[in-house]
Amino acid sequence: MIEIDGITKVYGKARAVDNVSLTVERGELAAIVGTSGSGKTTLMRMINRLVEPTSGTIRIDGRDNRDLPAYELRRGIGYAIQGHGLFPHRTVAENIATVPKLLGWDRKKRDDRVDELLTLFNLEPELYRDRMPQELSGGQKQRIGVARALAAEPALLLMDEPFGALDPIIRAKAQEDLLKIQRQFSTTVVLVTHDMDEAILLGHRIGVMHEGKLLQYAPPAEIIAHPASDFVNELLGTGDKAFRMLSLTAASKMVEEGPAEGPPIADTASLRDALAQILWTGRDAVPVARDGVIIGRITRERLLQRAEGPAS
């Protein structure tokens, strides 16, 4: 659990973060969204003390984050950033094993963890562990960056615009990977993003920041149905709320038996993603896959009925 209590950061006369309080429950993903300069990254970087607060307290599992030396605190917190931040002179395996090595893990334990994470991200260990970062695609580099953040089995993962530099297809796969990992390990995640759609897709709760202040902190359905201010409503955009509500439900919740042609979507994708693919390709249904195995389909008719029903 992360408890942020009255946190403020002042630079000169500017309040980058202004008296923010929120709680991230253990095992939840909190998405902090806002425009450039809203204070969202500064807030997140105070959790692992890359930025020191001017006032206020941050507790991790009940313990003040200032009770440990900053370097020791950071070794227990995963951190993934936009552009991956891999060490160019180290192999994939050496990059992933950076923190476990600092923590004194023996060679076999490090190697086993590297292979486990590569497998988790669908990268064959034999093919990838000895490659250099420049031999990887942008999407592969980003997955290795997240793997490195997870290597020491942290209970807390901080992510600063981790998917912002990826093209839409690779970004969707990276988001799917994150949801899979978060479910599998029950990792507590704080994700900073400027993309409200990404926040809605991934977050158990969304914090909306503007000019250093936290305007609203609530589950996605509440943000969509009851935005707390005109600015929050503006971030949501002009899209139909009923269709945005489709973003809150995984495809797995509407799978039915029956045939469907064409490329499948993952069962972790949202109903909105399913509808977008159906409309884009002109199909009446889309197959749904779990771990590469087709488990059923979702039809255009049922999705449109869902979208046209009352938002709830």
C-alpha atoms as a PDB file:
ATOM      1  CA  MET A   1       0.000   0.000   0.000  1.00  0.00           C
ATOM      2  CA  ILE A   2       1.167   3.521  -0.820  1.00  0.00           C
ATOM      3  CA  GLU A   3      -0.155   6.388   1.286  1.00  0.00           C
ATOM      4  CA  ILE A   4       0.594   9.860  -0.050  1.00  0.00           C
ATOM      5  CA  ASP A   5      -0.301  12.378   2.649  1.00  0.00           C
ATOM      6  CA  GLY A   6      -0.268  16.115   1.959  1.00  0.00           C
ATOM      7  CA  ILE A   7       2.713  15.952  -0.398  1.00  0.00           C
ATOM      8  CA  THR A   8       3.971  19.282  -1.732  1.00  0.00           C
ATOM      9  CA  LYS A   9       6.989  20.093  -3.912  1.00  0.00           C
ATOM     10  CA  VAL A  10       8.017  23.716  -4.370  1.00  0.00           C
ATOM     11  CA  TYR A  11      10.575  24.991  -6.863  1.00  0.00           C
ATOM     12  CA  GLY A  12      11.198  28.647  -6.124  1.00  0.00           C
ATOM     13  CA  LYS A  13       7.730  30.228  -6.171  1.00  0.00           C
ATOM     14  CA  ALA A  14       6.161  27.411  -8.217  1.00  0.00           C
ATOM     15  CA  ARG A  15       4.265  24.551  -6.598  1.00  0.00           C
ATOM     16  CA  ALA A  16       4.968  21.583  -8.875  1.00  0.00           C
ATOM     17  CA  VAL A  17       2.867  19.383  -6.570  1.00  0.00           C
ATOM     18  CA  ASP A  18       0.389  21.085  -4.246  1.00  0.00           C
ATOM     19  CA  ASN A  19      -0.858  19.253  -1.132  1.00  0.00           C
ATOM     20  CA  VAL A  20      -1.713  15.941  -2.807  1.00  0.00           C
ATOM     21  CA  SER A  21      -3.134  13.029  -0.821  1.00  0.00           C
ATOM     22  CA  LEU A  22      -4.137   9.628  -2.173  1.00  0.00           C
ATOM     23  CA  THR A  23      -3.849   5.929  -1.351  1.00  0.00           C
ATOM     24  CA  VAL A  24      -2.914   3.109  -3.712  1.00  0.00           C
ATOM     25  CA  GLU A  25      -4.072  -0.195  -2.289  1.00  0.00           C
ATOM     26  CA  ARG A  26      -1.791  -3.211  -2.429  1.00  0.00           C
ATOM     27  CA  GLY A  27      -2.105  -5.022  -5.772  1.00  0.00           C
ATOM     28  CA  GLU A  28      -3.842  -2.119  -7.518  1.00  0.00           C
ATOM     29  CA  LEU A  29      -2.741  -0.144 -10.563  1.00  0.00           C
ATOM     30  CA  ALA A  30      -3.145   3.608 -10.120  1.00  0.00           C
ATOM     31  CA  ALA A  31      -2.881   5.681 -13.298  1.00  0.00           C
ATOM     32  CA  ILE A  32      -1.873   9.315 -12.804  1.00  0.00           C
ATOM     33  CA  VAL A  33      -2.932  11.361 -15.817  1.00  0.00           C
ATOM     34  CA  GLY A  34      -2.517  14.996 -16.763  1.00  0.00           C
ATOM     35  CA  THR A  35      -1.033  17.335 -19.321  1.00  0.00           C
ATOM     36  CA  SER A  36       2.650  18.277 -19.482  1.00  0.00           C
ATOM     37  CA  GLY A  37       3.656  20.238 -16.382  1.00  0.00           C
ATOM     38  CA  SER A  38       0.725  19.005 -14.283  1.00  0.00           C
ATOM     39  CA  GLY A  39       3.034  17.538 -11.617  1.00  0.00           C
ATOM     40  CA  LYS A  40       2.254  13.873 -12.284  1.00  0.00           C
ATOM     41  CA  THR A  41       5.863  12.769 -12.859  1.00  0.00           C
ATOM     42  CA  THR A  42       7.164  14.828  -9.933  1.00  0.00           C
ATOM     43  CA  LEU A  43       4.568  13.172  -7.696  1.00  0.00           C
ATOM     44  CA  MET A  44       5.596   9.690  -8.789  1.00  0.00           C
ATOM     45  CA  ARG A  45       9.327  10.416  -8.456  1.00  0.00           C
ATOM     46  CA  MET A  46       8.787  11.418  -4.827  1.00  0.00           C
ATOM     47  CA  ILE A  47       7.655   7.837  -4.103  1.00  0.00           C
ATOM     48  CA  ASN A  48      11.152   6.464  -4.772  1.00  0.00           C
ATOM     49  CA  ARG A  49      12.821   9.732  -3.701  1.00  0.00           C
ATOM     50  CA  LEU A  50      14.297  10.671  -7.046  1.00  0.00           C
ATOM     51  CA  VAL A  51      12.671  13.949  -5.990  1.00  0.00           C
ATOM     52  CA  GLU A  52      12.513  14.951  -2.320  1.00  0.00           C
ATOM     53  CA  PRO A  53       9.250  16.574  -1.152  1.00  0.00           C
ATOM     54  CA  THR A  54       9.110  20.029   0.384  1.00  0.00           C
ATOM     55  CA  SER A  55       6.475  18.829   2.852  1.00  0.00           C
ATOM     56  CA  GLY A  56       4.173  15.903   3.483  1.00  0.00           C
ATOM     57  CA  THR A  57       4.723  12.175   3.961  1.00  0.00           C
ATOM     58  CA  ILE A  58       4.765   9.085   1.775  1.00  0.00           C
ATOM     59  CA  ARG A  59       4.353   5.694   3.452  1.00  0.00           C
ATOM     60  CA  ILE A  60       4.935   2.349   1.758  1.00  0.00           C
ATOM     61  CA  ASP A  61       3.251  -0.487   3.637  1.00  0.00           C
ATOM     62  CA  GLY A  62       2.982   1.824   6.633  1.00  0.00           C
ATOM     63  CA  ARG A  63       6.647   2.833   6.662  1.00  0.00           C
ATOM     64  CA  ASP A  64       7.835   6.363   5.915  1.00  0.00           C
ATOM     65  CA  ASN A  65       9.852   6.194   2.694  1.00  0.00           C
ATOM     66  CA  ARG A  66      12.500   8.397   4.331  1.00  0.00           C
ATOM     67  CA  ASP A  67      13.315   5.699   6.905  1.00  0.00           C
ATOM     68  CA  LEU A  68      15.712   4.021   4.440  1.00  0.00           C
ATOM     69  CA  PRO A  69      18.640   5.513   2.528  1.00  0.00           C
ATOM     70  CA  ALA A  70      17.359   6.541  -0.899  1.00  0.00           C
ATOM     71  CA  TYR A  71      19.549   4.044  -2.793  1.00  0.00           C
ATOM     72  CA  GLU A  72      18.297   1.174  -0.633  1.00  0.00           C
ATOM     73  CA  LEU A  73      14.672   2.260  -1.053  1.00  0.00           C
ATOM     74  CA  ARG A  74      15.046   2.319  -4.864  1.00  0.00           C
ATOM     75  CA  ARG A  75      16.460  -1.201  -5.001  1.00  0.00           C
ATOM     76  CA  GLY A  76      13.137  -2.462  -3.668  1.00  0.00           C
ATOM     77  CA  ILE A  77      11.031  -0.490  -6.164  1.00  0.00           C
ATOM     78  CA  GLY A  78      10.828  -1.269  -9.884  1.00  0.00           C
ATOM     79  CA  TYR A  79      11.142   1.730 -12.192  1.00  0.00           C
ATOM     80  CA  ALA A  80      10.366   1.756 -15.918  1.00  0.00           C
ATOM     81  CA  ILE A  81      10.556   4.842 -18.109  1.00  0.00           C
ATOM     82  CA  GLN A  82       9.714   5.919 -21.638  1.00  0.00           C
ATOM     83  CA  GLY A  83      12.440   4.887 -24.037  1.00  0.00           C
ATOM     84  CA  HIS A  84      13.391   1.871 -21.847  1.00  0.00           C
ATOM     85  CA  GLY A  85      16.700   3.326 -20.518  1.00  0.00           C
ATOM     86  CA  LEU A  86      18.722   0.158 -21.200  1.00  0.00           C
ATOM     87  CA  PHE A  87      22.499   0.204 -20.714  1.00  0.00           C
ATOM     88  CA  PRO A  88      23.808   0.016 -24.315  1.00  0.00           C
ATOM     89  CA  HIS A  89      27.067  -1.735 -23.380  1.00  0.00           C
ATOM     90  CA  ARG A  90      25.326  -4.573 -21.476  1.00  0.00           C
ATOM     91  CA  THR A  91      23.586  -7.634 -22.857  1.00  0.00           C
ATOM     92  CA  VAL A  92      19.872  -8.211 -22.379  1.00  0.00           C
ATOM     93  CA  ALA A  93      20.614 -10.618 -19.522  1.00  0.00           C
ATOM     94  CA  GLU A  94      23.016  -8.187 -17.856  1.00  0.00           C
ATOM     95  CA  ASN A  95      20.473  -5.373 -18.148  1.00  0.00           C
ATOM     96  CA  ILE A  96      17.685  -7.431 -16.574  1.00  0.00           C
ATOM     97  CA  ALA A  97      19.952  -8.681 -13.795  1.00  0.00           C
ATOM     98  CA  THR A  98      21.204  -5.205 -12.795  1.00  0.00           C
ATOM     99  CA  VAL A  99      19.346  -4.870  -9.480  1.00  0.00           C
ATOM    100  CA  PRO A 100      19.501  -8.566  -8.480  1.00  0.00           C
ATOM    101  CA  LYS A 101      23.293  -8.341  -8.861  1.00  0.00           C
ATOM    102  CA  LEU A 102      23.394  -5.220  -6.666  1.00  0.00           C
ATOM    103  CA  LEU A 103      21.338  -7.115  -4.094  1.00  0.00           C
ATOM    104  CA  GLY A 104      23.865  -9.955  -4.042  1.00  0.00           C
ATOM    105  CA  TRP A 105      21.839 -12.683  -5.777  1.00  0.00           C
ATOM    106  CA  ASP A 106      24.031 -15.609  -6.843  1.00  0.00           C
ATOM    107  CA  ARG A 107      24.634 -16.269 -10.554  1.00  0.00           C
ATOM    108  CA  LYS A 108      22.202 -19.166 -10.887  1.00  0.00           C
ATOM    109  CA  LYS A 109      19.362 -17.264  -9.224  1.00  0.00           C
ATOM    110  CA  ARG A 110      20.009 -14.274 -11.503  1.00  0.00           C
ATOM    111  CA  ASP A 111      20.126 -16.432 -14.618  1.00  0.00           C
ATOM    112  CA  ASP A 112      16.933 -18.245 -13.664  1.00  0.00           C
ATOM    113  CA  ARG A 113      15.137 -14.934 -13.102  1.00  0.00           C
ATOM    114  CA  VAL A 114      16.333 -13.561 -16.452  1.00  0.00           C
ATOM    115  CA  ASP A 115      15.021 -16.640 -18.273  1.00  0.00           C
ATOM    116  CA  GLU A 116      11.731 -16.507 -16.358  1.00  0.00           C
ATOM    117  CA  LEU A 117      11.120 -12.902 -17.348  1.00  0.00           C
ATOM    118  CA  LEU A 118      12.153 -13.369 -20.974  1.00  0.00           C
ATOM    119  CA  THR A 119       9.726 -16.271 -21.199  1.00  0.00           C
ATOM    120  CA  LEU A 120       7.006 -14.184 -19.560  1.00  0.00           C
ATOM    121  CA  PHE A 121       7.435 -11.553 -22.290  1.00  0.00           C
ATOM    122  CA  ASN A 122       7.438 -14.185 -25.050  1.00  0.00           C
ATOM    123  CA  LEU A 123      11.126 -13.682 -25.827  1.00  0.00           C
ATOM    124  CA  GLU A 124      12.991 -16.985 -26.115  1.00  0.00           C
ATOM    125  CA  PRO A 125      15.869 -16.889 -23.600  1.00  0.00           C
ATOM    126  CA  GLU A 126      18.250 -18.749 -25.921  1.00  0.00           C
ATOM    127  CA  LEU A 127      17.720 -16.140 -28.631  1.00  0.00           C
ATOM    128  CA  TYR A 128      17.638 -12.964 -26.571  1.00  0.00           C
ATOM    129  CA  ARG A 129      19.668 -13.204 -23.367  1.00  0.00           C
ATOM    130  CA  ASP A 130      23.026 -12.498 -25.079  1.00  0.00           C
ATOM    131  CA  ARG A 131      21.819  -9.829 -27.510  1.00  0.00           C
ATOM    132  CA  MET A 132      22.801  -6.186 -27.176  1.00  0.00           C
ATOM    133  CA  PRO A 133      20.122  -3.476 -26.952  1.00  0.00           C
ATOM    134  CA  GLN A 134      20.937  -2.131 -30.425  1.00  0.00           C
ATOM    135  CA  GLU A 135      19.942  -5.522 -31.869  1.00  0.00           C
ATOM    136  CA  LEU A 136      16.375  -5.206 -30.554  1.00  0.00           C
ATOM    137  CA  SER A 137      13.267  -3.548 -31.949  1.00  0.00           C
ATOM    138  CA  GLY A 138      11.673  -0.643 -30.086  1.00  0.00           C
ATOM    139  CA  GLY A 139       8.968  -2.878 -28.653  1.00  0.00           C
ATOM    140  CA  GLN A 140      11.500  -5.489 -27.532  1.00  0.00           C
ATOM    141  CA  LYS A 141      13.620  -2.832 -25.816  1.00  0.00           C
ATOM    142  CA  GLN A 142      10.577  -1.577 -23.930  1.00  0.00           C
ATOM    143  CA  ARG A 143       9.695  -5.105 -22.783  1.00  0.00           C
ATOM    144  CA  ILE A 144      13.267  -5.631 -21.587  1.00  0.00           C
ATOM    145  CA  GLY A 145      13.036  -2.313 -19.728  1.00  0.00           C
ATOM    146  CA  VAL A 146       9.934  -3.494 -17.889  1.00  0.00           C
ATOM    147  CA  ALA A 147      11.541  -6.908 -17.269  1.00  0.00           C
ATOM    148  CA  ARG A 148      14.533  -5.166 -15.677  1.00  0.00           C
ATOM    149  CA  ALA A 149      12.178  -3.172 -13.429  1.00  0.00           C
ATOM    150  CA  LEU A 150      10.569  -6.439 -12.294  1.00  0.00           C
ATOM    151  CA  ALA A 151      13.768  -8.471 -11.931  1.00  0.00           C
ATOM    152  CA  ALA A 152      14.191  -8.174  -8.166  1.00  0.00           C
ATOM    153  CA  GLU A 153      10.533  -9.140  -7.605  1.00  0.00           C
ATOM    154  CA  PRO A 154       9.501  -5.708  -6.293  1.00  0.00           C
ATOM    155  CA  ALA A 155       6.113  -5.362  -4.672  1.00  0.00           C
ATOM    156  CA  LEU A 156       5.903  -1.862  -6.177  1.00  0.00           C
ATOM    157  CA  LEU A 157       6.459  -0.827  -9.796  1.00  0.00           C
ATOM    158  CA  LEU A 158       6.633   2.812 -10.937  1.00  0.00           C
ATOM    159  CA  MET A 159       6.140   3.505 -14.652  1.00  0.00           C
ATOM    160  CA  ASP A 160       6.718   6.925 -16.218  1.00  0.00           C
ATOM    161  CA  GLU A 161       5.096   7.143 -19.681  1.00  0.00           C
ATOM    162  CA  PRO A 162       6.535   3.681 -20.441  1.00  0.00           C
ATOM    163  CA  PHE A 163       4.671   3.175 -23.725  1.00  0.00           C
ATOM    164  CA  GLY A 164       4.637   6.734 -25.057  1.00  0.00           C
ATOM    165  CA  ALA A 165       7.277   6.175 -27.754  1.00  0.00           C
ATOM    166  CA  LEU A 166       5.729   2.998 -29.183  1.00  0.00           C
ATOM    167  CA  ASP A 167       3.560   2.759 -32.269  1.00  0.00           C
ATOM    168  CA  PRO A 168      -0.118   1.902 -31.627  1.00  0.00           C
ATOM    169  CA  ILE A 169       0.134  -1.838 -32.384  1.00  0.00           C
ATOM    170  CA  ILE A 170       3.234  -2.409 -30.249  1.00  0.00           C
ATOM    171  CA  ARG A 171       1.792  -0.160 -27.547  1.00  0.00           C
ATOM    172  CA  ALA A 172      -1.368  -2.272 -27.341  1.00  0.00           C
ATOM    173  CA  LYS A 173       0.787  -5.402 -26.907  1.00  0.00           C
ATOM    174  CA  ALA A 174       2.870  -3.699 -24.208  1.00  0.00           C
ATOM    175  CA  GLN A 175      -0.304  -2.718 -22.342  1.00  0.00           C
ATOM    176  CA  GLU A 176      -1.538  -6.302 -22.624  1.00  0.00           C
ATOM    177  CA  ASP A 177       1.797  -7.504 -21.205  1.00  0.00           C
ATOM    178  CA  LEU A 178       1.449  -5.137 -18.246  1.00  0.00           C
ATOM    179  CA  LEU A 179      -2.070  -6.328 -17.439  1.00  0.00           C
ATOM    180  CA  LYS A 180      -0.884  -9.939 -17.597  1.00  0.00           C
ATOM    181  CA  ILE A 181       2.040  -9.238 -15.265  1.00  0.00           C
ATOM    182  CA  GLN A 182      -0.045  -7.217 -12.845  1.00  0.00           C
ATOM    183  CA  ARG A 183      -2.572 -10.045 -12.582  1.00  0.00           C
ATOM    184  CA  GLN A 184       0.069 -12.746 -12.245  1.00  0.00           C
ATOM    185  CA  PHE A 185       2.207 -11.099  -9.550  1.00  0.00           C
ATOM    186  CA  SER A 186      -0.356  -8.769  -7.892  1.00  0.00           C
ATOM    187  CA  THR A 187       2.220  -6.011  -8.192  1.00  0.00           C
ATOM    188  CA  THR A 188       1.222  -2.556  -6.973  1.00  0.00           C
ATOM    189  CA  VAL A 189       1.730  -0.206  -9.924  1.00  0.00           C
ATOM    190  CA  VAL A 190       1.777   3.570 -10.248  1.00  0.00           C
ATOM    191  CA  LEU A 191       1.619   4.518 -13.936  1.00  0.00           C
ATOM    192  CA  VAL A 192       2.087   8.088 -15.171  1.00  0.00           C
ATOM    193  CA  THR A 193       0.533   8.847 -18.549  1.00  0.00           C
ATOM    194  CA  HIS A 194      -0.850  11.764 -20.557  1.00  0.00           C
ATOM    195  CA  ASP A 195      -3.280   9.398 -22.327  1.00  0.00           C
ATOM    196  CA  MET A 196      -6.705   9.177 -20.679  1.00  0.00           C
ATOM    197  CA  ASP A 197      -7.648   6.141 -22.787  1.00  0.00           C
ATOM    198  CA  GLU A 198      -4.577   4.313 -21.470  1.00  0.00           C
ATOM    199  CA  ALA A 199      -5.474   5.316 -17.909  1.00  0.00           C
ATOM    200  CA  ILE A 200      -9.037   4.035 -18.367  1.00  0.00           C
ATOM    201  CA  LEU A 201      -7.819   0.764 -19.876  1.00  0.00           C
ATOM    202  CA  LEU A 202      -5.196   0.004 -17.237  1.00  0.00           C
ATOM    203  CA  GLY A 203      -6.116   1.757 -14.009  1.00  0.00           C
ATOM    204  CA  HIS A 204      -8.090   0.433 -11.057  1.00  0.00           C
ATOM    205  CA  ARG A 205      -8.150   4.093 -10.055  1.00  0.00           C
ATOM    206  CA  ILE A 206      -7.259   7.230 -11.984  1.00  0.00           C
ATOM    207  CA  GLY A 207      -5.752  10.367 -10.500  1.00  0.00           C
ATOM    208  CA  VAL A 208      -6.235  13.499 -12.614  1.00  0.00           C
ATOM    209  CA  MET A 209      -3.689  16.253 -11.998  1.00  0.00           C
ATOM    210  CA  HIS A 210      -3.624  19.859 -13.181  1.00  0.00           C
ATOM    211  CA  GLU A 211      -1.216  22.618 -12.178  1.00  0.00           C
ATOM    212  CA  GLY A 212       0.111  20.546  -9.290  1.00  0.00           C
ATOM    213  CA  LYS A 213      -3.279  19.754  -7.773  1.00  0.00           C
ATOM    214  CA  LEU A 214      -5.116  16.427  -7.682  1.00  0.00           C
ATOM    215  CA  LEU A 215      -8.544  17.203  -9.162  1.00  0.00           C
ATOM    216  CA  GLN A 216     -10.071  13.726  -8.886  1.00  0.00           C
ATOM    217  CA  TYR A 217      -9.013  10.255  -7.762  1.00  0.00           C
ATOM    218  CA  ALA A 218     -11.571   7.579  -8.481  1.00  0.00           C
ATOM    219  CA  PRO A 219     -12.298   4.365 -10.406  1.00  0.00           C
ATOM    220  CA  PRO A 220     -12.525   4.812 -14.194  1.00  0.00           C
ATOM    221  CA  ALA A 221     -16.313   4.355 -14.287  1.00  0.00           C
ATOM    222  CA  GLU A 222     -16.761   7.216 -11.815  1.00  0.00           C
ATOM    223  CA  ILE A 223     -14.361   9.464 -13.729  1.00  0.00           C
ATOM    224  CA  ILE A 224     -16.310   8.852 -16.939  1.00  0.00           C
ATOM    225  CA  ALA A 225     -19.780   9.158 -15.424  1.00  0.00           C
ATOM    226  CA  HIS A 226     -19.070  11.977 -12.972  1.00  0.00           C
ATOM    227  CA  PRO A 227     -16.025  14.079 -13.920  1.00  0.00           C
ATOM    228  CA  ALA A 228     -15.185  16.374 -11.011  1.00  0.00           C
ATOM    229  CA  SER A 229     -14.461  19.472 -13.090  1.00  0.00           C
ATOM    230  CA  ASP A 230     -14.551  20.924 -16.581  1.00  0.00           C
ATOM    231  CA  PHE A 231     -10.850  20.099 -16.928  1.00  0.00           C
ATOM    232  CA  VAL A 232     -11.425  16.409 -16.149  1.00  0.00           C
ATOM    233  CA  ASN A 233     -14.269  16.393 -18.656  1.00  0.00           C
ATOM    234  CA  GLU A 234     -11.977  18.013 -21.212  1.00  0.00           C
ATOM    235  CA  LEU A 235      -9.363  15.299 -20.708  1.00  0.00           C
ATOM    236  CA  LEU A 236     -12.044  12.697 -21.357  1.00  0.00           C
ATOM    237  CA  GLY A 237     -12.629  14.286 -24.760  1.00  0.00           C
ATOM    238  CA  THR A 238     -15.802  14.429 -26.789  1.00  0.00           C
ATOM    239  CA  GLY A 239     -16.356  10.684 -27.226  1.00  0.00           C
ATOM    240  CA  ASP A 240     -19.646   9.065 -26.251  1.00  0.00           C
ATOM    241  CA  LYS A 241     -19.594   7.978 -22.597  1.00  0.00           C
ATOM    242  CA  ALA A 242     -21.373   4.719 -23.404  1.00  0.00           C
ATOM    243  CA  PHE A 243     -18.581   3.742 -25.779  1.00  0.00           C
ATOM    244  CA  ARG A 244     -15.950   4.789 -23.229  1.00  0.00           C
ATOM    245  CA  MET A 245     -17.609   2.456 -20.747  1.00  0.00           C
ATOM    246  CA  LEU A 246     -16.711  -0.394 -23.098  1.00  0.00           C
ATOM    247  CA  SER A 247     -13.076   0.328 -22.183  1.00  0.00           C
ATOM    248  CA  LEU A 248     -13.775  -0.837 -18.627  1.00  0.00           C
ATOM    249  CA  THR A 249     -14.692  -4.430 -19.473  1.00  0.00           C
ATOM    250  CA  ALA A 250     -12.348  -7.119 -20.773  1.00  0.00           C
ATOM    251  CA  ALA A 251     -13.275  -9.077 -23.873  1.00  0.00           C
ATOM    252  CA  SER A 252     -13.286 -12.248 -21.767  1.00  0.00           C
ATOM    253  CA  LYS A 253     -16.534 -11.056 -20.130  1.00  0.00           C
ATOM    254  CA  MET A 254     -18.531 -11.238 -23.385  1.00  0.00           C
ATOM    255  CA  VAL A 255     -17.131 -14.289 -25.130  1.00  0.00           C
ATOM    256  CA  GLU A 256     -19.678 -16.621 -26.686  1.00  0.00           C
ATOM    257  CA  GLU A 257     -19.402 -19.814 -28.691  1.00  0.00           C
ATOM    258  CA  GLY A 258     -19.421 -19.667 -32.462  1.00  0.00           C
ATOM    259  CA  PRO A 259     -17.166 -19.143 -35.477  1.00  0.00           C
ATOM    260  CA  ALA A 260     -15.423 -15.908 -36.422  1.00  0.00           C
ATOM    261  CA  GLU A 261     -12.843 -15.187 -39.083  1.00  0.00           C
ATOM    262  CA  GLY A 262      -9.758 -13.016 -39.086  1.00  0.00           C
ATOM    263  CA  PRO A 263      -7.067 -12.142 -36.546  1.00  0.00           C
ATOM    264  CA  PRO A 264      -8.160 -12.613 -32.919  1.00  0.00           C
ATOM    265  CA  ILE A 265      -8.004 -10.155 -30.069  1.00  0.00           C
ATOM    266  CA  ALA A 266      -6.653 -11.126 -26.644  1.00  0.00           C
ATOM    267  CA  ASP A 267      -9.167 -11.916 -23.929  1.00  0.00           C
ATOM    268  CA  THR A 268      -7.526  -9.133 -21.878  1.00  0.00           C
ATOM    269  CA  ALA A 269      -8.346  -6.512 -24.524  1.00  0.00           C
ATOM    270  CA  SER A 270     -11.278  -4.214 -23.819  1.00  0.00           C
ATOM    271  CA  LEU A 271     -14.718  -4.441 -25.391  1.00  0.00           C
ATOM    272  CA  ARG A 272     -13.962  -1.079 -26.973  1.00  0.00           C
ATOM    273  CA  ASP A 273     -10.918  -2.617 -28.689  1.00  0.00           C
ATOM    274  CA  ALA A 274     -13.099  -5.479 -29.906  1.00  0.00           C
ATOM    275  CA  LEU A 275     -15.673  -3.092 -31.366  1.00  0.00           C
ATOM    276  CA  ALA A 276     -12.982  -0.973 -33.002  1.00  0.00           C
ATOM    277  CA  GLN A 277     -11.509  -4.023 -34.724  1.00  0.00           C
ATOM    278  CA  ILE A 278     -14.940  -5.222 -35.870  1.00  0.00           C
ATOM    279  CA  LEU A 279     -15.860  -1.823 -37.302  1.00  0.00           C
ATOM    280  CA  TRP A 280     -12.438  -1.285 -38.874  1.00  0.00           C
ATOM    281  CA  THR A 281     -12.435  -4.644 -40.676  1.00  0.00           C
ATOM    282  CA  GLY A 282     -16.151  -4.735 -41.501  1.00  0.00           C
ATOM    283  CA  ARG A 283     -16.692  -8.061 -39.748  1.00  0.00           C
ATOM    284  CA  ASP A 284     -19.730  -9.250 -37.829  1.00  0.00           C
ATOM    285  CA  ALA A 285     -17.627 -10.927 -35.136  1.00  0.00           C
ATOM    286  CA  VAL A 286     -14.054 -11.176 -33.916  1.00  0.00           C
ATOM    287  CA  PRO A 287     -12.384 -14.292 -32.447  1.00  0.00           C
ATOM    288  CA  VAL A 288     -11.030 -14.040 -28.900  1.00  0.00           C
ATOM    289  CA  ALA A 289      -7.815 -15.789 -27.837  1.00  0.00           C
ATOM    290  CA  ARG A 290      -6.292 -16.631 -24.468  1.00  0.00           C
ATOM    291  CA  ASP A 291      -2.567 -17.396 -24.554  1.00  0.00           C
ATOM    292  CA  GLY A 292      -2.841 -17.898 -28.308  1.00  0.00           C
ATOM    293  CA  VAL A 293      -5.772 -20.331 -28.156  1.00  0.00           C
ATOM    294  CA  ILE A 294      -9.170 -19.293 -29.564  1.00  0.00           C
ATOM    295  CA  ILE A 295     -11.787 -19.474 -26.801  1.00  0.00           C
ATOM    296  CA  GLY A 296     -14.802 -18.023 -28.637  1.00  0.00           C
ATOM    297  CA  ARG A 297     -15.990 -14.836 -30.318  1.00  0.00           C
ATOM    298  CA  ILE A 298     -17.571 -11.444 -29.705  1.00  0.00           C
ATOM    299  CA  THR A 299     -20.244 -10.196 -32.102  1.00  0.00           C
ATOM    300  CA  ARG A 300     -20.899  -6.732 -33.439  1.00  0.00           C
ATOM    301  CA  GLU A 301     -24.588  -7.029 -32.495  1.00  0.00           C
ATOM    302  CA  ARG A 302     -23.969  -7.671 -28.799  1.00  0.00           C
ATOM    303  CA  LEU A 303     -21.300  -4.975 -28.569  1.00  0.00           C
ATOM    304  CA  LEU A 304     -23.574  -2.347 -30.088  1.00  0.00           C
ATOM    305  CA  GLN A 305     -26.387  -3.402 -27.765  1.00  0.00           C
ATOM    306  CA  ARG A 306     -23.997  -3.000 -24.826  1.00  0.00           C
ATOM    307  CA  ALA A 307     -22.838   0.419 -26.041  1.00  0.00           C
ATOM    308  CA  GLU A 308     -26.372   1.667 -26.564  1.00  0.00           C
ATOM    309  CA  GLY A 309     -27.507   0.533 -23.126  1.00  0.00           C
ATOM    310  CA  PRO A 310     -27.397   2.779 -20.064  1.00  0.00           C
ATOM    311  CA  ALA A 311     -23.891   3.707 -18.883  1.00  0.00           C
ATOM    312  CA  SER A 312     -23.214   2.089 -15.553  1.00  0.00           C
END
